[in-house]
N, C-alpha and C. Protein backbone atom coordinates (compact mmCIF):
# COMPACT_ATOMS: atom_id res chain seq x y z
N MET A 1 10.17 108.09 -29.09
CA MET A 1 10.48 107.51 -30.71
C MET A 1 9.34 106.74 -30.96
N PHE A 2 9.47 106.66 -32.27
CA PHE A 2 8.19 105.12 -32.99
C PHE A 2 9.26 104.89 -33.91
N THR A 3 8.30 103.46 -33.84
CA THR A 3 9.07 102.51 -35.38
C THR A 3 8.70 102.53 -36.49
N GLY A 4 7.48 103.28 -36.37
CA GLY A 4 6.70 103.36 -38.21
C GLY A 4 6.00 102.14 -38.54
N LEU A 5 5.73 101.28 -37.46
CA LEU A 5 4.66 100.26 -37.54
C LEU A 5 3.58 100.96 -37.02
N ILE A 6 2.34 101.13 -38.26
CA ILE A 6 1.33 101.87 -38.02
C ILE A 6 0.29 101.34 -37.07
N GLU A 7 -0.28 101.80 -36.12
CA GLU A 7 -1.02 101.09 -35.64
C GLU A 7 -2.44 100.62 -35.36
N GLY A 8 -2.57 102.32 -36.41
CA GLY A 8 -4.35 102.49 -36.66
C GLY A 8 -4.52 103.17 -37.77
N VAL A 9 -5.81 103.89 -38.51
CA VAL A 9 -5.86 104.90 -38.96
C VAL A 9 -7.09 105.58 -38.82
N GLY A 10 -6.85 106.84 -38.54
CA GLY A 10 -7.85 107.81 -38.22
C GLY A 10 -7.83 108.93 -39.09
N ARG A 11 -8.82 109.91 -38.87
CA ARG A 11 -9.17 111.15 -39.44
C ARG A 11 -8.61 112.31 -38.99
N LEU A 12 -8.74 113.19 -40.04
CA LEU A 12 -8.08 115.05 -39.00
C LEU A 12 -9.70 115.32 -39.07
N ALA A 13 -10.35 115.39 -37.52
CA ALA A 13 -12.02 115.68 -37.50
C ALA A 13 -11.83 117.12 -37.48
N THR A 14 -11.15 117.94 -37.32
CA THR A 14 -11.45 119.25 -37.12
C THR A 14 -9.66 120.19 -36.68
N ARG A 15 -9.54 121.22 -37.53
CA ARG A 15 -8.09 121.79 -37.47
C ARG A 15 -9.28 123.69 -36.86
N GLU A 16 -9.05 124.12 -35.91
CA GLU A 16 -9.29 125.51 -35.12
C GLU A 16 -7.72 125.86 -35.13
N SER A 17 -8.45 127.37 -35.52
CA SER A 17 -7.52 128.27 -35.43
C SER A 17 -6.94 129.05 -33.55
N ARG A 18 -6.05 128.71 -33.18
CA ARG A 18 -5.76 129.32 -32.09
C ARG A 18 -4.70 130.21 -31.45
N GLY A 19 -4.60 131.46 -31.42
CA GLY A 19 -3.67 132.48 -31.10
C GLY A 19 -2.35 132.15 -32.10
N GLY A 20 -2.81 131.98 -33.53
CA GLY A 20 -2.07 132.05 -34.58
C GLY A 20 -1.34 131.47 -34.63
N ASP A 21 -1.82 129.76 -34.36
CA ASP A 21 -1.61 128.13 -34.99
C ASP A 21 -2.89 127.18 -34.80
N ALA A 22 -2.62 126.30 -34.43
CA ALA A 22 -3.85 125.36 -34.49
C ALA A 22 -3.67 124.71 -33.38
N ARG A 23 -4.90 123.92 -33.33
CA ARG A 23 -5.39 122.97 -32.59
C ARG A 23 -6.28 122.03 -33.10
N LEU A 24 -5.39 120.54 -33.19
CA LEU A 24 -6.38 119.55 -34.08
C LEU A 24 -6.69 118.55 -33.59
N ARG A 25 -7.97 118.24 -34.22
CA ARG A 25 -8.90 117.00 -32.99
C ARG A 25 -8.90 116.19 -34.44
N ILE A 26 -8.08 114.50 -33.79
CA ILE A 26 -8.29 113.51 -34.51
C ILE A 26 -9.43 112.73 -34.11
N ASP A 27 -9.53 112.17 -35.21
CA ASP A 27 -10.79 111.01 -34.48
C ASP A 27 -9.96 109.61 -34.68
N ALA A 28 -10.11 109.08 -33.33
CA ALA A 28 -8.53 107.77 -33.56
C ALA A 28 -9.02 106.64 -34.46
N GLY A 29 -10.19 106.12 -34.64
CA GLY A 29 -10.33 105.33 -35.79
C GLY A 29 -10.07 104.27 -35.14
N THR A 30 -9.13 103.13 -35.85
CA THR A 30 -8.81 101.68 -35.49
C THR A 30 -7.80 102.25 -34.25
N LEU A 31 -6.99 103.29 -34.07
CA LEU A 31 -6.26 103.32 -33.26
C LEU A 31 -6.52 102.84 -31.49
N ALA A 32 -6.30 102.00 -31.06
CA ALA A 32 -6.69 101.35 -29.92
C ALA A 32 -5.64 102.46 -28.71
N PHE A 33 -6.97 103.19 -28.12
CA PHE A 33 -5.92 103.72 -26.87
C PHE A 33 -6.89 104.52 -25.87
N ASN A 34 -7.27 102.92 -25.72
CA ASN A 34 -7.95 103.04 -24.14
C ASN A 34 -7.11 103.60 -22.76
N ASP A 35 -6.17 103.57 -22.41
CA ASP A 35 -4.85 103.87 -21.56
C ASP A 35 -4.54 105.51 -22.61
N VAL A 36 -4.84 105.97 -23.67
CA VAL A 36 -4.13 107.20 -23.22
C VAL A 36 -3.73 108.00 -22.16
N VAL A 37 -3.29 108.79 -22.45
CA VAL A 37 -2.83 109.67 -21.04
C VAL A 37 -2.49 111.05 -21.30
N LEU A 38 -2.36 112.17 -20.94
CA LEU A 38 -2.01 113.78 -20.92
C LEU A 38 -1.05 113.80 -21.17
N GLY A 39 -0.22 114.53 -22.25
CA GLY A 39 0.95 114.59 -22.75
C GLY A 39 1.49 113.47 -23.53
N GLU A 40 1.21 112.65 -23.60
CA GLU A 40 1.80 111.23 -24.43
C GLU A 40 2.10 112.13 -25.77
N SER A 41 2.92 110.97 -26.78
CA SER A 41 3.09 111.13 -27.60
C SER A 41 2.39 110.34 -28.51
N ILE A 42 2.09 110.51 -29.56
CA ILE A 42 1.16 110.29 -30.86
C ILE A 42 2.01 110.66 -32.25
N SER A 43 2.17 109.52 -32.91
CA SER A 43 2.53 110.09 -34.58
C SER A 43 1.36 110.14 -34.93
N VAL A 44 1.10 111.27 -35.79
CA VAL A 44 -0.03 111.56 -37.16
C VAL A 44 0.76 111.72 -37.86
N ASN A 45 0.86 111.11 -39.45
CA ASN A 45 1.43 110.97 -40.22
C ASN A 45 2.84 111.26 -40.26
N GLY A 46 3.60 110.63 -39.12
CA GLY A 46 4.83 110.55 -39.35
C GLY A 46 5.17 111.79 -38.10
N THR A 47 4.26 112.61 -37.91
CA THR A 47 4.74 113.65 -37.27
C THR A 47 4.19 113.60 -35.56
N CYS A 48 5.54 114.09 -34.44
CA CYS A 48 5.37 113.32 -33.43
C CYS A 48 4.72 114.86 -33.08
N LEU A 49 3.75 114.50 -31.82
CA LEU A 49 2.15 115.28 -31.58
C LEU A 49 1.87 114.89 -29.85
N THR A 50 1.86 115.95 -29.51
CA THR A 50 1.50 115.66 -27.76
C THR A 50 0.09 115.99 -27.89
N VAL A 51 -0.38 115.06 -26.89
CA VAL A 51 -2.02 114.59 -26.36
C VAL A 51 -1.90 116.32 -25.37
N VAL A 52 -3.09 117.01 -25.98
CA VAL A 52 -3.47 118.27 -25.03
C VAL A 52 -4.87 117.52 -24.17
N ALA A 53 -5.57 116.87 -25.14
CA ALA A 53 -6.84 116.73 -24.83
C ALA A 53 -7.54 114.90 -25.84
N PHE A 54 -8.87 114.46 -24.47
CA PHE A 54 -9.00 113.34 -25.23
C PHE A 54 -10.45 112.66 -24.42
N ASP A 55 -11.08 111.90 -25.52
CA ASP A 55 -12.37 111.66 -25.40
C ASP A 55 -12.55 110.23 -25.60
N ASP A 56 -13.01 109.41 -25.54
CA ASP A 56 -12.93 108.03 -25.82
C ASP A 56 -13.14 107.73 -27.57
N ARG A 57 -13.14 109.06 -28.31
CA ARG A 57 -12.69 108.58 -29.89
C ARG A 57 -12.18 109.57 -30.28
N HIS A 58 -11.45 110.51 -29.74
CA HIS A 58 -10.97 111.41 -30.21
C HIS A 58 -9.78 111.79 -29.42
N PHE A 59 -8.74 112.76 -29.97
CA PHE A 59 -7.24 113.40 -29.03
C PHE A 59 -7.36 114.45 -29.87
N GLU A 60 -6.85 115.50 -28.69
CA GLU A 60 -6.48 117.15 -29.44
C GLU A 60 -4.61 116.94 -29.14
N VAL A 61 -4.47 117.73 -30.41
CA VAL A 61 -3.00 118.04 -30.11
C VAL A 61 -3.13 119.74 -30.99
N ASP A 62 -1.91 120.50 -30.14
CA ASP A 62 -1.28 121.73 -30.64
C ASP A 62 -0.17 121.36 -31.43
N ALA A 63 -0.72 122.29 -33.17
CA ALA A 63 0.53 121.71 -33.63
C ALA A 63 0.67 124.05 -34.04
N SER A 64 2.23 123.51 -33.39
CA SER A 64 2.91 124.71 -33.81
C SER A 64 2.84 125.75 -35.21
N ASN A 65 3.03 126.66 -35.42
CA ASN A 65 3.43 127.19 -37.30
C ASN A 65 4.50 126.61 -37.20
N GLU A 66 5.44 126.15 -36.91
CA GLU A 66 6.50 125.25 -37.27
C GLU A 66 6.02 123.92 -38.19
N THR A 67 4.96 123.64 -36.91
CA THR A 67 4.65 121.84 -37.68
C THR A 67 3.70 122.55 -38.89
N LEU A 68 2.70 123.35 -38.39
CA LEU A 68 1.85 123.60 -39.98
C LEU A 68 2.71 123.67 -41.25
N ALA A 69 4.00 124.79 -41.26
CA ALA A 69 4.43 125.06 -42.52
C ALA A 69 5.28 123.88 -42.94
N LEU A 70 6.05 122.93 -42.10
CA LEU A 70 7.33 122.05 -42.51
C LEU A 70 6.60 121.09 -43.26
N THR A 71 5.39 120.47 -42.34
CA THR A 71 4.78 119.40 -43.11
C THR A 71 3.29 119.19 -43.59
N THR A 72 2.72 117.99 -44.04
CA THR A 72 1.30 118.21 -44.71
C THR A 72 0.42 118.40 -43.83
N LEU A 73 0.48 118.53 -42.16
CA LEU A 73 -0.68 118.86 -41.99
C LEU A 73 -1.51 120.76 -41.47
N GLY A 74 -1.06 121.44 -42.21
CA GLY A 74 -0.71 122.53 -42.20
C GLY A 74 -1.97 122.38 -43.11
N ALA A 75 -1.92 121.91 -44.49
CA ALA A 75 -2.65 121.88 -45.28
C ALA A 75 -4.06 120.74 -45.50
N LEU A 76 -3.27 119.66 -44.94
CA LEU A 76 -4.53 118.90 -44.32
C LEU A 76 -5.89 118.78 -44.71
N PRO A 77 -7.11 118.38 -45.54
CA PRO A 77 -8.20 118.62 -45.72
C PRO A 77 -9.37 118.11 -44.69
N VAL A 78 -9.79 118.21 -43.58
CA VAL A 78 -10.59 118.24 -43.02
C VAL A 78 -11.41 116.79 -43.57
N GLY A 79 -10.85 115.49 -42.35
CA GLY A 79 -11.93 114.15 -42.72
C GLY A 79 -10.37 113.57 -43.65
N HIS A 80 -9.41 113.94 -43.87
CA HIS A 80 -8.33 112.82 -44.40
C HIS A 80 -7.83 112.06 -43.22
N ALA A 81 -7.51 110.68 -44.28
CA ALA A 81 -7.23 109.75 -43.54
C ALA A 81 -5.67 110.29 -42.68
N VAL A 82 -5.63 109.45 -41.74
CA VAL A 82 -4.00 109.83 -41.08
C VAL A 82 -3.47 108.67 -40.44
N ASN A 83 -2.03 108.08 -40.41
CA ASN A 83 -1.29 107.08 -40.08
C ASN A 83 -1.56 107.47 -38.56
N LEU A 84 -1.62 106.83 -37.63
CA LEU A 84 -1.74 107.07 -36.42
C LEU A 84 -0.47 105.31 -35.61
N GLU A 85 0.41 106.20 -34.37
CA GLU A 85 1.30 105.69 -34.03
C GLU A 85 1.96 106.33 -32.77
N ARG A 86 1.35 104.92 -31.74
CA ARG A 86 1.89 105.39 -30.22
C ARG A 86 3.49 105.54 -29.88
N ALA A 87 3.56 106.34 -29.56
CA ALA A 87 5.29 106.32 -28.83
C ALA A 87 5.97 105.08 -28.27
N MET A 88 6.97 104.33 -28.80
CA MET A 88 7.03 102.73 -28.45
C MET A 88 7.18 102.93 -26.60
N ARG A 89 7.34 101.56 -26.71
CA ARG A 89 8.17 101.34 -25.61
C ARG A 89 9.17 100.76 -25.05
N PRO A 90 10.14 101.36 -24.14
CA PRO A 90 11.79 100.45 -23.97
C PRO A 90 11.59 98.88 -24.14
N ASP A 91 10.54 98.12 -23.78
CA ASP A 91 10.52 96.39 -24.02
C ASP A 91 9.86 96.38 -25.34
N ASP A 92 9.75 97.15 -26.22
CA ASP A 92 8.53 96.64 -27.61
C ASP A 92 9.97 96.27 -28.59
N ARG A 93 9.26 95.40 -29.45
CA ARG A 93 9.79 95.16 -30.65
C ARG A 93 10.37 96.15 -31.55
N LEU A 94 11.37 96.48 -32.00
CA LEU A 94 11.85 97.59 -33.13
C LEU A 94 11.66 96.45 -34.53
N GLY A 95 10.34 96.61 -34.84
CA GLY A 95 10.23 95.63 -36.27
C GLY A 95 10.38 96.86 -37.40
N GLY A 96 10.04 98.17 -37.19
CA GLY A 96 10.56 99.27 -38.26
C GLY A 96 11.74 99.46 -38.13
N HIS A 97 12.14 100.70 -38.24
CA HIS A 97 13.34 101.16 -37.71
C HIS A 97 13.17 102.52 -36.75
N LEU A 98 14.18 102.80 -36.16
CA LEU A 98 14.14 104.14 -35.02
C LEU A 98 13.31 105.37 -35.93
N VAL A 99 12.46 105.74 -35.97
CA VAL A 99 11.59 107.12 -36.24
C VAL A 99 11.43 108.31 -34.75
N SER A 100 11.82 108.99 -35.46
CA SER A 100 11.65 110.37 -34.13
C SER A 100 10.44 110.70 -34.11
N GLY A 101 9.70 110.78 -35.44
CA GLY A 101 8.66 111.67 -35.63
C GLY A 101 8.75 112.96 -36.02
N HIS A 102 10.32 113.68 -36.28
CA HIS A 102 10.35 115.22 -36.50
C HIS A 102 10.68 115.13 -38.38
N VAL A 103 9.45 115.33 -38.52
CA VAL A 103 9.54 115.29 -40.55
C VAL A 103 10.46 116.45 -41.30
N ASP A 104 11.38 115.79 -41.84
CA ASP A 104 12.68 116.32 -42.43
C ASP A 104 11.75 117.14 -43.62
N GLY A 105 10.45 116.88 -44.89
CA GLY A 105 10.74 117.76 -45.57
C GLY A 105 8.95 116.63 -45.88
N ILE A 106 8.88 117.65 -47.10
CA ILE A 106 7.57 117.32 -47.91
C ILE A 106 7.59 115.89 -49.43
N GLY A 107 7.44 115.77 -49.37
CA GLY A 107 6.75 115.25 -51.39
C GLY A 107 6.38 114.43 -51.73
N HIS A 108 5.75 114.23 -52.75
CA HIS A 108 4.90 114.10 -53.64
C HIS A 108 4.71 112.51 -53.74
N VAL A 109 3.26 112.17 -54.14
CA VAL A 109 3.92 110.75 -54.71
C VAL A 109 3.57 110.56 -56.60
N LEU A 110 4.82 110.52 -57.06
CA LEU A 110 4.49 110.33 -58.38
C LEU A 110 3.88 109.73 -59.14
N ALA A 111 3.94 108.17 -58.57
CA ALA A 111 3.41 107.34 -59.14
C ALA A 111 3.24 105.67 -58.89
N ILE A 112 2.34 105.42 -59.03
CA ILE A 112 1.69 104.00 -58.41
C ILE A 112 1.50 102.61 -58.95
N HIS A 113 2.13 101.65 -59.59
CA HIS A 113 2.21 100.79 -59.95
C HIS A 113 2.09 99.40 -59.45
N ASP A 114 1.05 98.40 -60.42
CA ASP A 114 0.77 97.14 -59.96
C ASP A 114 1.87 96.49 -60.02
N ASP A 115 2.46 95.72 -58.83
CA ASP A 115 3.49 94.78 -58.82
C ASP A 115 3.56 93.38 -58.54
N ALA A 116 2.82 92.58 -59.42
CA ALA A 116 2.44 91.31 -58.58
C ALA A 116 1.33 91.58 -57.69
N ARG A 117 1.16 90.65 -56.29
CA ARG A 117 0.33 91.49 -55.55
C ARG A 117 0.64 92.71 -54.85
N ALA A 118 2.09 93.54 -55.03
CA ALA A 118 2.60 94.52 -54.28
C ALA A 118 2.01 95.77 -54.98
N GLN A 119 2.60 96.65 -54.55
CA GLN A 119 2.39 97.46 -55.64
C GLN A 119 3.57 98.44 -55.01
N ARG A 120 4.43 99.31 -56.72
CA ARG A 120 5.53 100.47 -56.52
C ARG A 120 5.17 101.85 -56.30
N TRP A 121 5.60 102.15 -55.52
CA TRP A 121 5.50 103.83 -55.22
C TRP A 121 6.66 104.53 -55.55
N LYS A 122 6.44 105.27 -56.64
CA LYS A 122 7.72 106.29 -56.69
C LYS A 122 7.37 107.91 -55.76
N PHE A 123 8.38 108.21 -55.27
CA PHE A 123 7.84 109.81 -54.33
C PHE A 123 9.13 110.20 -55.05
N SER A 124 8.87 111.76 -54.89
CA SER A 124 9.93 112.86 -55.22
C SER A 124 10.43 113.40 -53.45
N ALA A 125 11.12 113.89 -53.67
CA ALA A 125 12.00 114.17 -52.38
C ALA A 125 12.85 115.45 -52.70
N PRO A 126 12.68 116.55 -51.42
CA PRO A 126 13.44 117.54 -51.94
C PRO A 126 14.92 117.01 -52.08
N ALA A 127 15.43 117.58 -52.64
CA ALA A 127 17.07 117.60 -53.42
C ALA A 127 17.71 117.77 -51.92
N SER A 128 17.36 118.68 -50.99
CA SER A 128 18.70 118.62 -49.58
C SER A 128 18.23 117.10 -48.95
N LEU A 129 17.28 116.45 -49.18
CA LEU A 129 17.38 115.03 -48.30
C LEU A 129 17.21 113.99 -49.28
N LEU A 130 17.69 113.86 -50.74
CA LEU A 130 17.84 112.88 -51.10
C LEU A 130 19.31 112.21 -51.07
N LYS A 131 20.05 113.18 -50.40
CA LYS A 131 21.77 112.65 -50.21
C LYS A 131 21.54 111.97 -48.88
N TYR A 132 20.63 111.85 -48.07
CA TYR A 132 20.58 110.78 -46.62
C TYR A 132 19.71 109.73 -47.07
N ILE A 133 18.71 109.31 -48.53
CA ILE A 133 18.21 108.21 -48.67
C ILE A 133 18.84 107.15 -49.70
N ALA A 134 18.94 106.06 -48.86
CA ALA A 134 20.22 105.55 -49.64
C ALA A 134 19.21 103.77 -50.24
N ARG A 135 19.75 103.40 -50.95
CA ARG A 135 19.17 102.03 -51.74
C ARG A 135 19.09 100.82 -50.42
N LYS A 136 18.02 100.25 -50.45
CA LYS A 136 18.21 99.19 -49.41
C LYS A 136 17.98 99.95 -47.49
N GLY A 137 17.92 101.14 -47.75
CA GLY A 137 18.28 101.81 -46.85
C GLY A 137 16.35 101.96 -46.20
N SER A 138 16.53 102.96 -44.80
CA SER A 138 15.00 103.03 -44.54
C SER A 138 14.66 104.45 -44.68
N ILE A 139 13.43 104.90 -44.45
CA ILE A 139 12.89 106.09 -44.94
C ILE A 139 11.46 106.06 -44.00
N CYS A 140 11.09 106.90 -43.96
CA CYS A 140 9.48 107.10 -43.14
C CYS A 140 8.58 108.27 -44.17
N VAL A 141 7.86 107.37 -44.74
CA VAL A 141 6.52 108.20 -45.26
C VAL A 141 5.80 108.13 -44.99
N ASP A 142 5.00 109.37 -44.36
CA ASP A 142 3.83 109.60 -43.33
C ASP A 142 3.50 108.18 -42.45
N GLY A 143 4.76 108.42 -41.69
CA GLY A 143 4.58 107.94 -40.56
C GLY A 143 5.00 106.24 -40.76
N VAL A 144 5.33 105.68 -41.82
CA VAL A 144 5.45 104.40 -42.14
C VAL A 144 6.90 103.89 -42.71
N SER A 145 7.21 103.14 -42.26
CA SER A 145 8.71 102.61 -42.14
C SER A 145 9.04 101.94 -43.59
N LEU A 146 9.73 101.80 -44.53
CA LEU A 146 9.67 101.65 -45.13
C LEU A 146 11.39 101.39 -46.20
N THR A 147 11.16 100.36 -46.81
CA THR A 147 12.94 99.99 -47.34
C THR A 147 12.67 100.81 -48.65
N VAL A 148 13.59 101.31 -48.84
CA VAL A 148 14.03 102.30 -50.37
C VAL A 148 14.26 101.09 -51.86
N ASN A 149 13.53 100.45 -52.50
CA ASN A 149 14.10 100.05 -53.55
C ASN A 149 14.72 100.78 -54.71
N ALA A 150 15.20 102.14 -55.38
CA ALA A 150 15.23 102.13 -56.13
C ALA A 150 15.57 103.81 -55.70
N ILE A 151 16.30 104.95 -56.14
CA ILE A 151 16.65 105.92 -56.22
C ILE A 151 17.20 106.83 -57.08
N ASP A 152 16.59 107.94 -57.40
CA ASP A 152 17.39 108.67 -58.73
C ASP A 152 17.12 109.94 -58.49
N ASP A 153 17.49 110.93 -59.61
CA ASP A 153 17.84 112.08 -59.21
C ASP A 153 16.22 112.88 -58.80
N GLY A 154 15.48 112.39 -58.60
CA GLY A 154 14.37 113.05 -58.84
C GLY A 154 13.34 112.23 -57.67
N GLY A 155 14.04 111.54 -56.93
CA GLY A 155 13.15 110.87 -55.89
C GLY A 155 13.10 109.19 -55.73
N PHE A 156 12.50 108.30 -55.34
CA PHE A 156 12.98 107.25 -54.50
C PHE A 156 11.91 106.47 -55.03
N GLU A 157 12.12 104.75 -54.64
CA GLU A 157 11.02 103.57 -54.84
C GLU A 157 10.51 102.78 -53.85
N VAL A 158 9.88 102.45 -53.35
CA VAL A 158 9.18 101.34 -52.95
C VAL A 158 8.49 100.49 -52.67
N ALA A 159 8.40 99.22 -52.28
CA ALA A 159 7.37 98.54 -52.38
C ALA A 159 6.46 98.49 -51.37
N LEU A 160 5.17 98.30 -51.53
CA LEU A 160 4.15 98.18 -50.38
C LEU A 160 3.23 97.30 -50.12
N ILE A 161 3.51 95.70 -50.00
CA ILE A 161 2.48 94.49 -49.77
C ILE A 161 1.11 94.75 -49.54
N PRO A 162 0.22 94.11 -50.08
CA PRO A 162 -0.92 94.74 -49.55
C PRO A 162 -1.20 94.73 -47.98
N HIS A 163 -0.58 94.07 -46.98
CA HIS A 163 -0.85 94.50 -45.85
C HIS A 163 -0.74 95.99 -45.49
N THR A 164 0.66 95.84 -45.93
CA THR A 164 0.35 97.85 -45.63
C THR A 164 -0.37 98.92 -46.38
N VAL A 165 -0.83 98.33 -47.81
CA VAL A 165 -1.53 99.36 -48.57
C VAL A 165 -2.93 99.58 -47.38
N SER A 166 -3.39 98.37 -47.56
CA SER A 166 -5.05 97.80 -46.65
C SER A 166 -4.48 98.47 -45.30
N HIS A 167 -3.60 98.35 -44.24
CA HIS A 167 -3.90 98.52 -42.66
C HIS A 167 -3.41 100.46 -42.47
N THR A 168 -2.89 100.97 -43.68
CA THR A 168 -2.46 102.22 -43.15
C THR A 168 -3.36 103.60 -44.28
N ALA A 169 -3.28 104.35 -44.47
CA ALA A 169 -3.85 105.96 -44.81
C ALA A 169 -3.59 106.02 -46.38
N PHE A 170 -2.55 104.44 -46.81
CA PHE A 170 -1.97 104.70 -48.45
C PHE A 170 -3.15 103.94 -49.28
N SER A 171 -3.88 103.34 -48.66
CA SER A 171 -5.54 102.79 -48.79
C SER A 171 -5.99 103.72 -49.82
N GLN A 172 -6.02 105.36 -48.87
CA GLN A 172 -6.67 106.37 -49.58
C GLN A 172 -6.05 107.28 -50.35
N THR A 173 -4.30 106.87 -50.50
CA THR A 173 -3.52 107.69 -51.11
C THR A 173 -3.54 107.92 -52.31
N ARG A 174 -3.26 109.20 -53.16
CA ARG A 174 -3.20 108.59 -54.67
C ARG A 174 -2.03 109.80 -55.39
N ALA A 175 -2.01 109.37 -56.54
CA ALA A 175 -0.69 110.23 -56.99
C ALA A 175 -0.67 111.93 -56.99
N GLY A 176 0.23 112.57 -57.11
CA GLY A 176 -0.03 114.01 -56.62
C GLY A 176 -0.09 114.39 -55.00
N ASP A 177 -0.87 113.53 -54.43
CA ASP A 177 -0.60 113.93 -52.94
C ASP A 177 0.65 113.75 -52.19
N ALA A 178 0.82 115.06 -51.67
CA ALA A 178 1.70 115.38 -50.53
C ALA A 178 1.61 114.24 -49.43
N VAL A 179 2.92 113.87 -48.94
CA VAL A 179 3.56 113.29 -47.80
C VAL A 179 4.65 113.41 -47.21
N ASN A 180 4.45 113.74 -46.01
CA ASN A 180 5.83 113.91 -45.20
C ASN A 180 6.87 112.62 -45.03
N LEU A 181 8.16 113.32 -44.96
CA LEU A 181 9.20 112.63 -44.91
C LEU A 181 10.27 112.30 -44.10
N GLU A 182 10.96 111.65 -43.25
CA GLU A 182 11.86 111.35 -42.72
C GLU A 182 12.44 110.75 -42.62
N VAL A 183 13.98 111.21 -43.19
CA VAL A 183 15.05 110.23 -43.44
C VAL A 183 15.74 110.00 -42.35
N ASP A 184 16.60 108.55 -42.52
CA ASP A 184 17.01 107.72 -41.59
C ASP A 184 17.98 108.44 -40.66
N LEU A 185 17.49 108.39 -39.15
CA LEU A 185 18.58 109.13 -38.26
C LEU A 185 19.95 109.26 -38.47
N VAL A 186 20.87 107.80 -38.46
CA VAL A 186 21.71 107.55 -38.41
C VAL A 186 22.42 108.52 -39.37
N ALA A 187 22.02 108.86 -41.20
CA ALA A 187 22.52 109.29 -41.97
C ALA A 187 22.76 110.97 -41.81
N ARG A 188 21.98 111.25 -40.82
CA ARG A 188 21.95 112.89 -40.13
C ARG A 188 23.06 113.09 -39.21
N TYR A 189 23.28 112.24 -38.52
CA TYR A 189 23.75 112.31 -37.31
C TYR A 189 25.69 111.89 -37.76
N VAL A 190 25.49 111.22 -39.52
CA VAL A 190 27.06 111.03 -39.76
C VAL A 190 27.53 112.30 -40.10
N GLU A 191 26.31 112.62 -40.72
CA GLU A 191 26.92 114.01 -41.92
C GLU A 191 26.99 114.76 -40.30
N ARG A 192 26.83 114.95 -39.35
CA ARG A 192 26.73 115.81 -38.24
C ARG A 192 28.62 115.69 -38.13
N LEU A 193 28.82 114.26 -38.21
CA LEU A 193 29.95 114.51 -37.17
C LEU A 193 31.24 114.42 -38.14
N LEU A 194 30.87 114.47 -39.43
CA LEU A 194 32.17 113.95 -40.22
C LEU A 194 32.10 115.87 -40.74
N HIS A 195 31.29 116.81 -40.22
CA HIS A 195 31.25 117.93 -40.55
C HIS A 195 31.79 118.83 -39.35
N ALA A 196 31.58 118.58 -38.31
CA ALA A 196 31.69 119.25 -37.11
C ALA A 196 33.28 119.84 -37.19
N PRO A 197 33.36 120.29 -36.01
CA PRO A 197 34.38 121.62 -36.34
C PRO A 197 35.48 119.91 -35.27
N LYS A 198 36.83 120.09 -35.48
CA LYS A 198 37.73 119.00 -35.19
C LYS A 198 38.30 119.44 -33.92
């Protein structure tokens, strides 16, 4: 589990084809990971991945075809900035919201507008996900826990404060870019319970 509070910004260093899927090498950038261990989970742009190798500046993860097809990681250009968060500990503060790192779909940045010192960002979302997104609810975009300010048939809008922009890969994200989306866990479980056989 993750919180959606980004701990560092790194870069996709390499993508290597291996037996039909891929091994990704991530430059850890500003992520503190001096005590990283094999097998731990790190969220890369909101995608929970397992560390299979590391050195003092990089870690490597294996990405299945499912991950490559259903997230932005399959087409992300080498050198692109990525948001990084290590899995939360049981005694951590939950400052964002509960994030599983299981991406539900891909959206796109539709528009970015200044709003005083903040910015308003509008994202598209697949129609199948819009029903889970609620005004003032939580959404995870590229691993970042955000609050939904508005929603319509085409997507949703959030406000990003200067700290969020400057301390995440959003500082290098532009209109038209693809983003990973994870809807709130509670909404999915409520739907499942309501439609489960009696």
